[in-house]
Amino acid sequence: MANSSIGLRKGYRQVDWDYMKWIGITFLPAMVIALAVLTYLSEQYYNLLKLLLVLVIILAGSMLMIS
């Protein structure tokens, strides 16, 4: 969202503000929940968190090679 606001410095009238509102309403609480889950996992299940990181890296690399 920050990059698009910089890119549309003079064209901010073209932004769909209803869409941006819904993104903000859904994105910010989801980010807070994700940070809480990451904090919990790093304190309680560190090895599981490392395994999840490895899986995400492998899946992301595979998706890049496929596309």
PDB file of N, CA and C in Angstrom:
ATOM      1  N   MET A   1       0.829  -1.185   0.000  1.00  0.00           N
ATOM      2  CA  MET A   1       0.000   0.000   0.000  1.00  0.00           C
ATOM      3  C   MET A   1       0.875   1.252   0.000  1.00  0.00           C
ATOM      4  N   ALA A   2       2.003   1.199   0.686  1.00  0.00           N
ATOM      5  CA  ALA A   2       2.880   2.361   0.722  1.00  0.00           C
ATOM      6  C   ALA A   2       3.492   2.612  -0.649  1.00  0.00           C
ATOM      7  N   ASN A   3       3.880   1.547  -1.344  1.00  0.00           N
ATOM      8  CA  ASN A   3       4.461   1.716  -2.675  1.00  0.00           C
ATOM      9  C   ASN A   3       3.462   2.316  -3.646  1.00  0.00           C
ATOM     10  N   SER A   4       2.213   1.891  -3.563  1.00  0.00           N
ATOM     11  CA  SER A   4       1.218   2.445  -4.481  1.00  0.00           C
ATOM     12  C   SER A   4       0.931   3.901  -4.163  1.00  0.00           C
ATOM     13  N   SER A   5       1.001   4.290  -2.905  1.00  0.00           N
ATOM     14  CA  SER A   5       0.777   5.701  -2.579  1.00  0.00           C
ATOM     15  C   SER A   5       1.924   6.564  -3.084  1.00  0.00           C
ATOM     16  N   ILE A   6       3.132   6.042  -3.074  1.00  0.00           N
ATOM     17  CA  ILE A   6       4.264   6.793  -3.619  1.00  0.00           C
ATOM     18  C   ILE A   6       4.153   6.870  -5.139  1.00  0.00           C
ATOM     19  N   GLY A   7       3.729   5.771  -5.756  1.00  0.00           N
ATOM     20  CA  GLY A   7       3.590   5.754  -7.211  1.00  0.00           C
ATOM     21  C   GLY A   7       2.474   6.647  -7.715  1.00  0.00           C
ATOM     22  N   LEU A   8       1.474   6.881  -6.892  1.00  0.00           N
ATOM     23  CA  LEU A   8       0.330   7.705  -7.293  1.00  0.00           C
ATOM     24  C   LEU A   8       0.325   9.054  -6.574  1.00  0.00           C
ATOM     25  N   ARG A   9       1.481   9.647  -6.419  1.00  0.00           N
ATOM     26  CA  ARG A   9       1.567  10.916  -5.696  1.00  0.00           C
ATOM     27  C   ARG A   9       0.615  11.964  -6.253  1.00  0.00           C
ATOM     28  N   LYS A  10       0.593  12.091  -7.555  1.00  0.00           N
ATOM     29  CA  LYS A  10      -0.253  13.122  -8.154  1.00  0.00           C
ATOM     30  C   LYS A  10      -1.577  12.562  -8.646  1.00  0.00           C
ATOM     31  N   GLY A  11      -1.702  11.237  -8.694  1.00  0.00           N
ATOM     32  CA  GLY A  11      -2.923  10.635  -9.205  1.00  0.00           C
ATOM     33  C   GLY A  11      -3.739   9.963  -8.114  1.00  0.00           C
ATOM     34  N   TYR A  12      -3.730  10.531  -6.922  1.00  0.00           N
ATOM     35  CA  TYR A  12      -4.438   9.896  -5.805  1.00  0.00           C
ATOM     36  C   TYR A  12      -5.940   9.885  -6.006  1.00  0.00           C
ATOM     37  N   ARG A  13      -6.448  10.677  -6.920  1.00  0.00           N
ATOM     38  CA  ARG A  13      -7.893  10.659  -7.195  1.00  0.00           C
ATOM     39  C   ARG A  13      -8.306   9.377  -7.910  1.00  0.00           C
ATOM     40  N   GLN A  14      -7.351   8.684  -8.507  1.00  0.00           N
ATOM     41  CA  GLN A  14      -7.645   7.454  -9.239  1.00  0.00           C
ATOM     42  C   GLN A  14      -7.718   6.229  -8.327  1.00  0.00           C
ATOM     43  N   VAL A  15      -7.397   6.393  -7.058  1.00  0.00           N
ATOM     44  CA  VAL A  15      -7.389   5.267  -6.125  1.00  0.00           C
ATOM     45  C   VAL A  15      -8.821   4.905  -5.745  1.00  0.00           C
ATOM     46  N   ASP A  16      -9.115   3.627  -5.738  1.00  0.00           N
ATOM     47  CA  ASP A  16     -10.417   3.134  -5.295  1.00  0.00           C
ATOM     48  C   ASP A  16     -10.383   3.057  -3.766  1.00  0.00           C
ATOM     49  N   TRP A  17     -10.880   4.099  -3.115  1.00  0.00           N
ATOM     50  CA  TRP A  17     -10.758   4.217  -1.663  1.00  0.00           C
ATOM     51  C   TRP A  17     -11.598   3.191  -0.926  1.00  0.00           C
ATOM     52  N   ASP A  18     -12.709   2.742  -1.499  1.00  0.00           N
ATOM     53  CA  ASP A  18     -13.486   1.672  -0.862  1.00  0.00           C
ATOM     54  C   ASP A  18     -12.673   0.376  -0.816  1.00  0.00           C
ATOM     55  N   TYR A  19     -11.989   0.085  -1.907  1.00  0.00           N
ATOM     56  CA  TYR A  19     -11.132  -1.101  -1.954  1.00  0.00           C
ATOM     57  C   TYR A  19      -9.980  -0.983  -0.954  1.00  0.00           C
ATOM     58  N   MET A  20      -9.366   0.182  -0.885  1.00  0.00           N
ATOM     59  CA  MET A  20      -8.276   0.400   0.068  1.00  0.00           C
ATOM     60  C   MET A  20      -8.771   0.278   1.504  1.00  0.00           C
ATOM     61  N   LYS A  21      -9.999   0.718   1.755  1.00  0.00           N
ATOM     62  CA  LYS A  21     -10.567   0.608   3.098  1.00  0.00           C
ATOM     63  C   LYS A  21     -10.725  -0.857   3.485  1.00  0.00           C
ATOM     64  N   TRP A  22     -11.240  -1.665   2.572  1.00  0.00           N
ATOM     65  CA  TRP A  22     -11.422  -3.084   2.867  1.00  0.00           C
ATOM     66  C   TRP A  22     -10.090  -3.797   3.031  1.00  0.00           C
ATOM     67  N   ILE A  23      -9.103  -3.411   2.265  1.00  0.00           N
ATOM     68  CA  ILE A  23      -7.772  -3.994   2.443  1.00  0.00           C
ATOM     69  C   ILE A  23      -7.241  -3.657   3.830  1.00  0.00           C
ATOM     70  N   GLY A  24      -7.385  -2.414   4.238  1.00  0.00           N
ATOM     71  CA  GLY A  24      -6.912  -2.009   5.557  1.00  0.00           C
ATOM     72  C   GLY A  24      -7.652  -2.696   6.683  1.00  0.00           C
ATOM     73  N   ILE A  25      -8.966  -2.841   6.523  1.00  0.00           N
ATOM     74  CA  ILE A  25      -9.779  -3.468   7.568  1.00  0.00           C
ATOM     75  C   ILE A  25      -9.398  -4.937   7.741  1.00  0.00           C
ATOM     76  N   THR A  26      -9.090  -5.620   6.656  1.00  0.00           N
ATOM     77  CA  THR A  26      -8.772  -7.047   6.757  1.00  0.00           C
ATOM     78  C   THR A  26      -7.288  -7.311   6.961  1.00  0.00           C
ATOM     79  N   PHE A  27      -6.431  -6.479   6.398  1.00  0.00           N
ATOM     80  CA  PHE A  27      -4.996  -6.741   6.434  1.00  0.00           C
ATOM     81  C   PHE A  27      -4.393  -6.463   7.808  1.00  0.00           C
ATOM     82  N   LEU A  28      -4.759  -5.376   8.424  1.00  0.00           N
ATOM     83  CA  LEU A  28      -4.134  -5.010   9.692  1.00  0.00           C
ATOM     84  C   LEU A  28      -4.447  -5.993  10.818  1.00  0.00           C
ATOM     85  N   PRO A  29      -5.696  -6.411  11.030  1.00  0.00           N
ATOM     86  CA  PRO A  29      -5.926  -7.428  12.072  1.00  0.00           C
ATOM     87  C   PRO A  29      -5.245  -8.763  11.752  1.00  0.00           C
ATOM     88  N   ALA A  30      -5.208  -9.138  10.489  1.00  0.00           N
ATOM     89  CA  ALA A  30      -4.542 -10.385  10.111  1.00  0.00           C
ATOM     90  C   ALA A  30      -3.050 -10.311  10.414  1.00  0.00           C
ATOM     91  N   MET A  31      -2.445  -9.147  10.218  1.00  0.00           N
ATOM     92  CA  MET A  31      -1.034  -8.981  10.518  1.00  0.00           C
ATOM     93  C   MET A  31      -0.776  -9.071  12.021  1.00  0.00           C
ATOM     94  N   VAL A  32      -1.664  -8.509  12.828  1.00  0.00           N
ATOM     95  CA  VAL A  32      -1.519  -8.591  14.282  1.00  0.00           C
ATOM     96  C   VAL A  32      -1.630 -10.044  14.739  1.00  0.00           C
ATOM     97  N   ILE A  33      -2.591 -10.772  14.188  1.00  0.00           N
ATOM     98  CA  ILE A  33      -2.756 -12.190  14.541  1.00  0.00           C
ATOM     99  C   ILE A  33      -1.526 -12.991  14.112  1.00  0.00           C
ATOM    100  N   ALA A  34      -1.015 -12.720  12.923  1.00  0.00           N
ATOM    101  CA  ALA A  34       0.164 -13.441  12.439  1.00  0.00           C
ATOM    102  C   ALA A  34       1.373 -13.175  13.329  1.00  0.00           C
ATOM    103  N   LEU A  35       1.554 -11.938  13.765  1.00  0.00           N
ATOM    104  CA  LEU A  35       2.671 -11.634  14.661  1.00  0.00           C
ATOM    105  C   LEU A  35       2.512 -12.323  16.005  1.00  0.00           C
ATOM    106  N   ALA A  36       1.291 -12.396  16.505  1.00  0.00           N
ATOM    107  CA  ALA A  36       1.049 -13.093  17.770  1.00  0.00           C
ATOM    108  C   ALA A  36       1.354 -14.585  17.633  1.00  0.00           C
ATOM    109  N   VAL A  37       0.950 -15.186  16.514  1.00  0.00           N
ATOM    110  CA  VAL A  37       1.224 -16.612  16.290  1.00  0.00           C
ATOM    111  C   VAL A  37       2.723 -16.854  16.154  1.00  0.00           C
ATOM    112  N   LEU A  38       3.420 -15.978  15.429  1.00  0.00           N
ATOM    113  CA  LEU A  38       4.871 -16.132  15.291  1.00  0.00           C
ATOM    114  C   LEU A  38       5.581 -15.989  16.629  1.00  0.00           C
ATOM    115  N   THR A  39       5.138 -15.061  17.450  1.00  0.00           N
ATOM    116  CA  THR A  39       5.730 -14.898  18.777  1.00  0.00           C
ATOM    117  C   THR A  39       5.507 -16.144  19.621  1.00  0.00           C
ATOM    118  N   TYR A  40       4.292 -16.663  19.590  1.00  0.00           N
ATOM    119  CA  TYR A  40       3.979 -17.878  20.344  1.00  0.00           C
ATOM    120  C   TYR A  40       4.821 -19.057  19.859  1.00  0.00           C
ATOM    121  N   LEU A  41       4.910 -19.226  18.537  1.00  0.00           N
ATOM    122  CA  LEU A  41       5.691 -20.333  17.995  1.00  0.00           C
ATOM    123  C   LEU A  41       7.171 -20.194  18.326  1.00  0.00           C
ATOM    124  N   SER A  42       7.691 -18.977  18.285  1.00  0.00           N
ATOM    125  CA  SER A  42       9.114 -18.803  18.578  1.00  0.00           C
ATOM    126  C   SER A  42       9.425 -19.071  20.042  1.00  0.00           C
ATOM    127  N   GLU A  43       8.454 -18.871  20.923  1.00  0.00           N
ATOM    128  CA  GLU A  43       8.683 -19.129  22.343  1.00  0.00           C
ATOM    129  C   GLU A  43       8.436 -20.587  22.708  1.00  0.00           C
ATOM    130  N   GLN A  44       7.438 -21.219  22.115  1.00  0.00           N
ATOM    131  CA  GLN A  44       7.023 -22.557  22.536  1.00  0.00           C
ATOM    132  C   GLN A  44       7.492 -23.672  21.594  1.00  0.00           C
ATOM    133  N   TYR A  45       7.423 -23.428  20.313  1.00  0.00           N
ATOM    134  CA  TYR A  45       7.687 -24.471  19.319  1.00  0.00           C
ATOM    135  C   TYR A  45       8.719 -23.985  18.308  1.00  0.00           C
ATOM    136  N   TYR A  46       9.933 -23.750  18.773  1.00  0.00           N
ATOM    137  CA  TYR A  46      10.973 -23.187  17.917  1.00  0.00           C
ATOM    138  C   TYR A  46      11.317 -24.127  16.761  1.00  0.00           C
ATOM    139  N   ASN A  47      11.409 -25.417  17.034  1.00  0.00           N
ATOM    140  CA  ASN A  47      11.756 -26.376  15.968  1.00  0.00           C
ATOM    141  C   ASN A  47      10.662 -26.458  14.911  1.00  0.00           C
ATOM    142  N   LEU A  48       9.405 -26.386  15.324  1.00  0.00           N
ATOM    143  CA  LEU A  48       8.303 -26.372  14.365  1.00  0.00           C
ATOM    144  C   LEU A  48       8.366 -25.117  13.496  1.00  0.00           C
ATOM    145  N   LEU A  49       8.718 -23.999  14.095  1.00  0.00           N
ATOM    146  CA  LEU A  49       8.837 -22.750  13.340  1.00  0.00           C
ATOM    147  C   LEU A  49       9.952 -22.853  12.300  1.00  0.00           C
ATOM    148  N   LYS A  50      11.070 -23.472  12.664  1.00  0.00           N
ATOM    149  CA  LYS A  50      12.151 -23.670  11.698  1.00  0.00           C
ATOM    150  C   LYS A  50      11.707 -24.580  10.557  1.00  0.00           C
ATOM    151  N   LEU A  51      10.956 -25.623  10.881  1.00  0.00           N
ATOM    152  CA  LEU A  51      10.448 -26.521   9.847  1.00  0.00           C
ATOM    153  C   LEU A  51       9.489 -25.792   8.910  1.00  0.00           C
ATOM    154  N   LEU A  52       8.613 -24.970   9.459  1.00  0.00           N
ATOM    155  CA  LEU A  52       7.691 -24.190   8.629  1.00  0.00           C
ATOM    156  C   LEU A  52       8.447 -23.232   7.717  1.00  0.00           C
ATOM    157  N   LEU A  53       9.518 -22.633   8.222  1.00  0.00           N
ATOM    158  CA  LEU A  53      10.327 -21.735   7.403  1.00  0.00           C
ATOM    159  C   LEU A  53      10.960 -22.485   6.241  1.00  0.00           C
ATOM    160  N   VAL A  54      11.494 -23.660   6.508  1.00  0.00           N
ATOM    161  CA  VAL A  54      12.089 -24.471   5.441  1.00  0.00           C
ATOM    162  C   VAL A  54      11.041 -24.823   4.390  1.00  0.00           C
ATOM    163  N   LEU A  55       9.852 -25.211   4.837  1.00  0.00           N
ATOM    164  CA  LEU A  55       8.788 -25.562   3.892  1.00  0.00           C
ATOM    165  C   LEU A  55       8.370 -24.371   3.036  1.00  0.00           C
ATOM    166  N   VAL A  56       8.269 -23.202   3.647  1.00  0.00           N
ATOM    167  CA  VAL A  56       7.889 -22.002   2.891  1.00  0.00           C
ATOM    168  C   VAL A  56       8.955 -21.662   1.859  1.00  0.00           C
ATOM    169  N   ILE A  57      10.220 -21.769   2.235  1.00  0.00           N
ATOM    170  CA  ILE A  57      11.301 -21.468   1.294  1.00  0.00           C
ATOM    171  C   ILE A  57      11.294 -22.459   0.130  1.00  0.00           C
ATOM    172  N   ILE A  58      11.111 -23.734   0.425  1.00  0.00           N
ATOM    173  CA  ILE A  58      11.082 -24.747  -0.639  1.00  0.00           C
ATOM    174  C   ILE A  58       9.881 -24.533  -1.554  1.00  0.00           C
ATOM    175  N   LEU A  59       8.712 -24.285  -0.976  1.00  0.00           N
ATOM    176  CA  LEU A  59       7.518 -24.064  -1.799  1.00  0.00           C
ATOM    177  C   LEU A  59       7.633 -22.800  -2.640  1.00  0.00           C
ATOM    178  N   ALA A  60       8.181 -21.736  -2.065  1.00  0.00           N
ATOM    179  CA  ALA A  60       8.329 -20.491  -2.826  1.00  0.00           C
ATOM    180  C   ALA A  60       9.312 -20.681  -3.977  1.00  0.00           C
ATOM    181  N   GLY A  61      10.410 -21.372  -3.723  1.00  0.00           N
ATOM    182  CA  GLY A  61      11.367 -21.646  -4.792  1.00  0.00           C
ATOM    183  C   GLY A  61      10.768 -22.507  -5.885  1.00  0.00           C
ATOM    184  N   SER A  62       9.983 -23.500  -5.490  1.00  0.00           N
ATOM    185  CA  SER A  62       9.322 -24.360  -6.480  1.00  0.00           C
ATOM    186  C   SER A  62       8.328 -23.575  -7.323  1.00  0.00           C
ATOM    187  N   MET A  63       7.570 -22.706  -6.680  1.00  0.00           N
ATOM    188  CA  MET A  63       6.597 -21.893  -7.416  1.00  0.00           C
ATOM    189  C   MET A  63       7.297 -20.958  -8.403  1.00  0.00           C
ATOM    190  N   LEU A  64       8.448 -20.422  -8.009  1.00  0.00           N
ATOM    191  CA  LEU A  64       9.191 -19.554  -8.925  1.00  0.00           C
ATOM    192  C   LEU A  64       9.720 -20.337 -10.121  1.00  0.00           C
ATOM    193  N   MET A  65      10.172 -21.550  -9.888  1.00  0.00           N
ATOM    194  CA  MET A  65      10.685 -22.355 -11.000  1.00  0.00           C
ATOM    195  C   MET A  65       9.568 -22.778 -11.939  1.00  0.00           C
ATOM    196  N   ILE A  66       8.385 -23.042 -11.400  1.00  0.00           N
ATOM    197  CA  ILE A  66       7.258 -23.466 -12.234  1.00  0.00           C
ATOM    198  C   ILE A  66       6.764 -22.323 -13.114  1.00  0.00           C
ATOM    199  N   SER A  67       6.712 -21.127 -12.560  1.00  0.00           N
ATOM    200  CA  SER A  67       6.151 -19.999 -13.332  1.00  0.00           C
ATOM    201  C   SER A  67       7.145 -19.322 -14.215  1.00  0.00           C
TER     202      SER A  67
END
